[in-house]
Amino acid sequence: MGNRLSAVPDWIGELTTLEHLDLGVNGLSEVPGAIRGLRNLTSLFLAGNELSVLPAWIAELTRLTVLNLNDNPWVSPPPGVVAAGTEAVLAYLRG
């Protein structure tokens, strides 16, 4: 958290047993695609970045129970959905 990252290395996708990932308070403008394969994630913190679009594949992370998206300039999902919490965001992404 708070490391001024503007990108995340692709090798993070090799950490397949990772359960908690905190990328909060950085300079990320997009969600790193490398985390798509982290199927054991239960919590993902992306708060405090420059994210405006959350990719639909986040909903494929079926063990995810905590998704912190606060303090980003969201366009999709809309800020009201983000404010409603993890379940609302995942339902929105699933369409």
N, C-alpha and C. Protein backbone atom coordinates (compact mmCIF):
# COMPACT_ATOMS: atom_id res chain seq x y z
N MET A 1 0.83 -1.18 0.00
CA MET A 1 0.00 0.00 0.00
C MET A 1 0.88 1.24 0.00
N GLY A 2 0.53 2.19 -0.83
CA GLY A 2 1.19 3.48 -0.82
C GLY A 2 2.62 3.47 -1.30
N ASN A 3 2.90 2.71 -2.34
CA ASN A 3 4.27 2.62 -2.85
C ASN A 3 4.50 3.41 -4.13
N ARG A 4 3.51 4.20 -4.52
CA ARG A 4 3.60 5.01 -5.73
C ARG A 4 3.80 4.17 -6.99
N LEU A 5 3.23 3.00 -7.01
CA LEU A 5 3.31 2.14 -8.19
C LEU A 5 2.43 2.69 -9.30
N SER A 6 2.94 2.68 -10.50
CA SER A 6 2.12 3.05 -11.65
C SER A 6 1.81 1.81 -12.49
N ALA A 7 2.48 0.71 -12.16
CA ALA A 7 2.27 -0.57 -12.83
C ALA A 7 2.63 -1.69 -11.85
N VAL A 8 2.13 -2.87 -12.16
CA VAL A 8 2.41 -4.05 -11.35
C VAL A 8 3.09 -5.07 -12.27
N PRO A 9 4.18 -5.68 -11.83
CA PRO A 9 4.87 -6.64 -12.69
C PRO A 9 4.01 -7.86 -13.01
N ASP A 10 4.17 -8.38 -14.21
CA ASP A 10 3.39 -9.53 -14.64
C ASP A 10 3.60 -10.77 -13.78
N TRP A 11 4.77 -10.89 -13.16
CA TRP A 11 5.05 -12.08 -12.37
C TRP A 11 4.12 -12.22 -11.17
N ILE A 12 3.40 -11.15 -10.82
CA ILE A 12 2.46 -11.26 -9.70
C ILE A 12 1.40 -12.33 -9.99
N GLY A 13 1.12 -12.56 -11.27
CA GLY A 13 0.17 -13.59 -11.66
C GLY A 13 0.63 -15.00 -11.35
N GLU A 14 1.89 -15.17 -11.03
CA GLU A 14 2.44 -16.48 -10.68
C GLU A 14 2.21 -16.82 -9.21
N LEU A 15 1.73 -15.86 -8.44
CA LEU A 15 1.50 -16.07 -7.00
C LEU A 15 0.10 -16.66 -6.80
N THR A 16 -0.10 -17.84 -7.33
CA THR A 16 -1.44 -18.43 -7.43
C THR A 16 -2.07 -18.79 -6.09
N THR A 17 -1.31 -18.85 -5.01
CA THR A 17 -1.91 -19.14 -3.71
C THR A 17 -2.18 -17.86 -2.91
N LEU A 18 -1.88 -16.72 -3.49
CA LEU A 18 -2.10 -15.43 -2.82
C LEU A 18 -3.57 -15.24 -2.48
N GLU A 19 -3.85 -14.84 -1.24
CA GLU A 19 -5.22 -14.62 -0.80
C GLU A 19 -5.56 -13.16 -0.61
N HIS A 20 -4.59 -12.34 -0.25
CA HIS A 20 -4.83 -10.92 0.01
C HIS A 20 -3.84 -10.09 -0.80
N LEU A 21 -4.36 -9.11 -1.52
CA LEU A 21 -3.51 -8.24 -2.33
C LEU A 21 -3.92 -6.80 -2.09
N ASP A 22 -2.98 -6.00 -1.62
CA ASP A 22 -3.24 -4.59 -1.33
C ASP A 22 -2.44 -3.73 -2.29
N LEU A 23 -3.12 -3.15 -3.26
CA LEU A 23 -2.50 -2.24 -4.22
C LEU A 23 -3.04 -0.83 -4.02
N GLY A 24 -3.51 -0.56 -2.82
CA GLY A 24 -4.12 0.72 -2.51
C GLY A 24 -3.10 1.85 -2.43
N VAL A 25 -3.59 3.04 -2.68
CA VAL A 25 -2.84 4.29 -2.58
C VAL A 25 -1.57 4.24 -3.43
N ASN A 26 -1.76 4.02 -4.69
CA ASN A 26 -0.68 4.04 -5.67
C ASN A 26 -1.11 4.92 -6.83
N GLY A 27 -0.48 4.78 -7.96
CA GLY A 27 -0.84 5.58 -9.14
C GLY A 27 -1.38 4.74 -10.27
N LEU A 28 -2.06 3.66 -9.94
CA LEU A 28 -2.56 2.75 -10.97
C LEU A 28 -3.72 3.38 -11.73
N SER A 29 -3.65 3.33 -13.05
CA SER A 29 -4.73 3.85 -13.87
C SER A 29 -5.55 2.73 -14.49
N GLU A 30 -5.09 1.51 -14.35
CA GLU A 30 -5.86 0.35 -14.78
C GLU A 30 -5.56 -0.82 -13.86
N VAL A 31 -6.54 -1.72 -13.77
CA VAL A 31 -6.37 -2.90 -12.93
C VAL A 31 -5.40 -3.83 -13.66
N PRO A 32 -4.34 -4.25 -12.99
CA PRO A 32 -3.35 -5.12 -13.64
C PRO A 32 -3.96 -6.44 -14.09
N GLY A 33 -3.84 -6.74 -15.37
CA GLY A 33 -4.38 -7.98 -15.93
C GLY A 33 -3.73 -9.21 -15.34
N ALA A 34 -2.53 -9.07 -14.82
CA ALA A 34 -1.81 -10.21 -14.26
C ALA A 34 -2.53 -10.82 -13.05
N ILE A 35 -3.41 -10.06 -12.40
CA ILE A 35 -4.09 -10.62 -11.23
C ILE A 35 -5.31 -11.46 -11.62
N ARG A 36 -5.62 -11.50 -12.89
CA ARG A 36 -6.79 -12.26 -13.35
C ARG A 36 -6.73 -13.73 -12.95
N GLY A 37 -5.55 -14.30 -12.93
CA GLY A 37 -5.40 -15.71 -12.61
C GLY A 37 -5.25 -16.02 -11.13
N LEU A 38 -5.35 -15.03 -10.28
CA LEU A 38 -5.18 -15.24 -8.84
C LEU A 38 -6.51 -15.71 -8.23
N ARG A 39 -6.85 -16.93 -8.52
CA ARG A 39 -8.17 -17.49 -8.17
C ARG A 39 -8.39 -17.70 -6.68
N ASN A 40 -7.32 -17.60 -5.87
CA ASN A 40 -7.47 -17.77 -4.43
C ASN A 40 -7.64 -16.45 -3.69
N LEU A 41 -7.67 -15.34 -4.41
CA LEU A 41 -7.83 -14.05 -3.75
C LEU A 41 -9.16 -13.98 -3.01
N THR A 42 -9.08 -13.60 -1.74
CA THR A 42 -10.30 -13.35 -0.97
C THR A 42 -10.47 -11.86 -0.73
N SER A 43 -9.37 -11.10 -0.78
CA SER A 43 -9.48 -9.66 -0.60
C SER A 43 -8.54 -8.95 -1.57
N LEU A 44 -9.08 -7.89 -2.17
CA LEU A 44 -8.34 -7.09 -3.13
C LEU A 44 -8.60 -5.62 -2.82
N PHE A 45 -7.53 -4.91 -2.52
CA PHE A 45 -7.63 -3.50 -2.17
C PHE A 45 -7.05 -2.67 -3.30
N LEU A 46 -7.90 -1.86 -3.91
CA LEU A 46 -7.51 -0.99 -5.02
C LEU A 46 -7.83 0.47 -4.72
N ALA A 47 -8.14 0.77 -3.48
CA ALA A 47 -8.54 2.13 -3.09
C ALA A 47 -7.39 3.11 -3.31
N GLY A 48 -7.77 4.36 -3.60
CA GLY A 48 -6.79 5.43 -3.66
C GLY A 48 -5.88 5.41 -4.86
N ASN A 49 -6.39 4.97 -6.00
CA ASN A 49 -5.62 4.98 -7.24
C ASN A 49 -6.28 5.93 -8.23
N GLU A 50 -6.01 5.74 -9.49
CA GLU A 50 -6.60 6.56 -10.55
C GLU A 50 -7.44 5.69 -11.49
N LEU A 51 -8.11 4.70 -10.90
CA LEU A 51 -8.89 3.74 -11.69
C LEU A 51 -10.25 4.32 -12.05
N SER A 52 -10.64 4.13 -13.31
CA SER A 52 -11.96 4.59 -13.74
C SER A 52 -12.83 3.46 -14.26
N VAL A 53 -12.22 2.34 -14.67
CA VAL A 53 -12.97 1.20 -15.20
C VAL A 53 -12.48 -0.08 -14.53
N LEU A 54 -13.41 -0.82 -13.98
CA LEU A 54 -13.08 -2.11 -13.37
C LEU A 54 -13.43 -3.19 -14.39
N PRO A 55 -12.45 -4.01 -14.79
CA PRO A 55 -12.73 -5.03 -15.81
C PRO A 55 -13.72 -6.08 -15.30
N ALA A 56 -14.55 -6.56 -16.20
CA ALA A 56 -15.56 -7.56 -15.84
C ALA A 56 -14.95 -8.85 -15.32
N TRP A 57 -13.73 -9.17 -15.72
CA TRP A 57 -13.12 -10.42 -15.28
C TRP A 57 -12.89 -10.46 -13.76
N ILE A 58 -12.98 -9.34 -13.08
CA ILE A 58 -12.86 -9.34 -11.61
C ILE A 58 -13.92 -10.29 -11.02
N ALA A 59 -15.08 -10.35 -11.65
CA ALA A 59 -16.15 -11.23 -11.16
C ALA A 59 -15.78 -12.71 -11.28
N GLU A 60 -14.76 -13.04 -12.06
CA GLU A 60 -14.29 -14.42 -12.18
C GLU A 60 -13.49 -14.86 -10.96
N LEU A 61 -13.09 -13.92 -10.12
CA LEU A 61 -12.36 -14.23 -8.89
C LEU A 61 -13.40 -14.64 -7.85
N THR A 62 -13.84 -15.87 -7.92
CA THR A 62 -15.00 -16.34 -7.19
C THR A 62 -14.83 -16.42 -5.67
N ARG A 63 -13.62 -16.38 -5.17
CA ARG A 63 -13.40 -16.40 -3.72
C ARG A 63 -13.35 -15.01 -3.11
N LEU A 64 -13.43 -14.00 -3.95
CA LEU A 64 -13.32 -12.62 -3.51
C LEU A 64 -14.51 -12.24 -2.62
N THR A 65 -14.22 -11.85 -1.38
CA THR A 65 -15.26 -11.41 -0.46
C THR A 65 -15.08 -9.96 -0.04
N VAL A 66 -13.87 -9.43 -0.22
CA VAL A 66 -13.58 -8.03 0.11
C VAL A 66 -12.95 -7.38 -1.10
N LEU A 67 -13.60 -6.33 -1.57
CA LEU A 67 -13.11 -5.57 -2.72
C LEU A 67 -13.21 -4.10 -2.37
N ASN A 68 -12.09 -3.48 -2.04
CA ASN A 68 -12.08 -2.08 -1.64
C ASN A 68 -11.70 -1.23 -2.83
N LEU A 69 -12.65 -0.43 -3.30
CA LEU A 69 -12.47 0.39 -4.50
C LEU A 69 -12.59 1.88 -4.21
N ASN A 70 -12.64 2.26 -2.95
CA ASN A 70 -12.86 3.65 -2.58
C ASN A 70 -11.80 4.58 -3.16
N ASP A 71 -12.18 5.83 -3.29
CA ASP A 71 -11.27 6.91 -3.68
C ASP A 71 -10.60 6.71 -5.03
N ASN A 72 -11.40 6.36 -6.01
CA ASN A 72 -10.99 6.28 -7.41
C ASN A 72 -12.03 7.04 -8.23
N PRO A 73 -11.67 7.56 -9.38
CA PRO A 73 -12.64 8.29 -10.22
C PRO A 73 -13.45 7.34 -11.12
N TRP A 74 -14.33 6.53 -10.52
CA TRP A 74 -15.05 5.49 -11.24
C TRP A 74 -16.02 6.01 -12.27
N VAL A 75 -15.99 5.36 -13.42
CA VAL A 75 -16.99 5.54 -14.47
C VAL A 75 -17.81 4.25 -14.55
N SER A 76 -17.09 3.12 -14.51
CA SER A 76 -17.72 1.80 -14.55
C SER A 76 -16.98 0.85 -13.62
N PRO A 77 -17.64 0.39 -12.58
CA PRO A 77 -19.02 0.62 -12.22
C PRO A 77 -19.25 2.05 -11.73
N PRO A 78 -20.48 2.51 -11.79
CA PRO A 78 -20.78 3.86 -11.32
C PRO A 78 -20.48 4.01 -9.83
N PRO A 79 -20.18 5.22 -9.39
CA PRO A 79 -19.85 5.44 -7.98
C PRO A 79 -20.90 4.91 -7.00
N GLY A 80 -22.17 4.96 -7.36
CA GLY A 80 -23.22 4.44 -6.47
C GLY A 80 -23.11 2.95 -6.25
N VAL A 81 -22.72 2.22 -7.27
CA VAL A 81 -22.53 0.77 -7.16
C VAL A 81 -21.30 0.49 -6.29
N VAL A 82 -20.23 1.23 -6.52
CA VAL A 82 -19.01 1.06 -5.71
C VAL A 82 -19.32 1.30 -4.24
N ALA A 83 -20.10 2.35 -3.96
CA ALA A 83 -20.45 2.69 -2.58
C ALA A 83 -21.29 1.61 -1.92
N ALA A 84 -22.01 0.82 -2.70
CA ALA A 84 -22.87 -0.24 -2.16
C ALA A 84 -22.08 -1.47 -1.71
N GLY A 85 -20.81 -1.57 -2.08
CA GLY A 85 -19.97 -2.64 -1.57
C GLY A 85 -19.67 -3.76 -2.54
N THR A 86 -18.92 -4.72 -2.04
CA THR A 86 -18.38 -5.82 -2.83
C THR A 86 -19.45 -6.59 -3.59
N GLU A 87 -20.49 -7.02 -2.91
CA GLU A 87 -21.53 -7.83 -3.56
C GLU A 87 -22.21 -7.06 -4.69
N ALA A 88 -22.46 -5.78 -4.48
CA ALA A 88 -23.09 -4.95 -5.51
C ALA A 88 -22.18 -4.80 -6.72
N VAL A 89 -20.90 -4.61 -6.48
CA VAL A 89 -19.95 -4.48 -7.57
C VAL A 89 -19.87 -5.77 -8.38
N LEU A 90 -19.75 -6.90 -7.68
CA LEU A 90 -19.66 -8.18 -8.38
C LEU A 90 -20.94 -8.49 -9.17
N ALA A 91 -22.09 -8.17 -8.61
CA ALA A 91 -23.34 -8.36 -9.34
C ALA A 91 -23.39 -7.47 -10.58
N TYR A 92 -22.93 -6.24 -10.45
CA TYR A 92 -22.88 -5.33 -11.60
C TYR A 92 -21.98 -5.89 -12.70
N LEU A 93 -20.82 -6.39 -12.32
CA LEU A 93 -19.88 -6.93 -13.30
C LEU A 93 -20.42 -8.18 -13.99
N ARG A 94 -21.21 -8.94 -13.26
CA ARG A 94 -21.78 -10.17 -13.83
C ARG A 94 -22.95 -9.87 -14.75
N GLY A 95 -23.41 -8.60 -14.72
CA GLY A 95 -24.43 -8.13 -15.64
C GLY A 95 -25.80 -8.52 -15.29
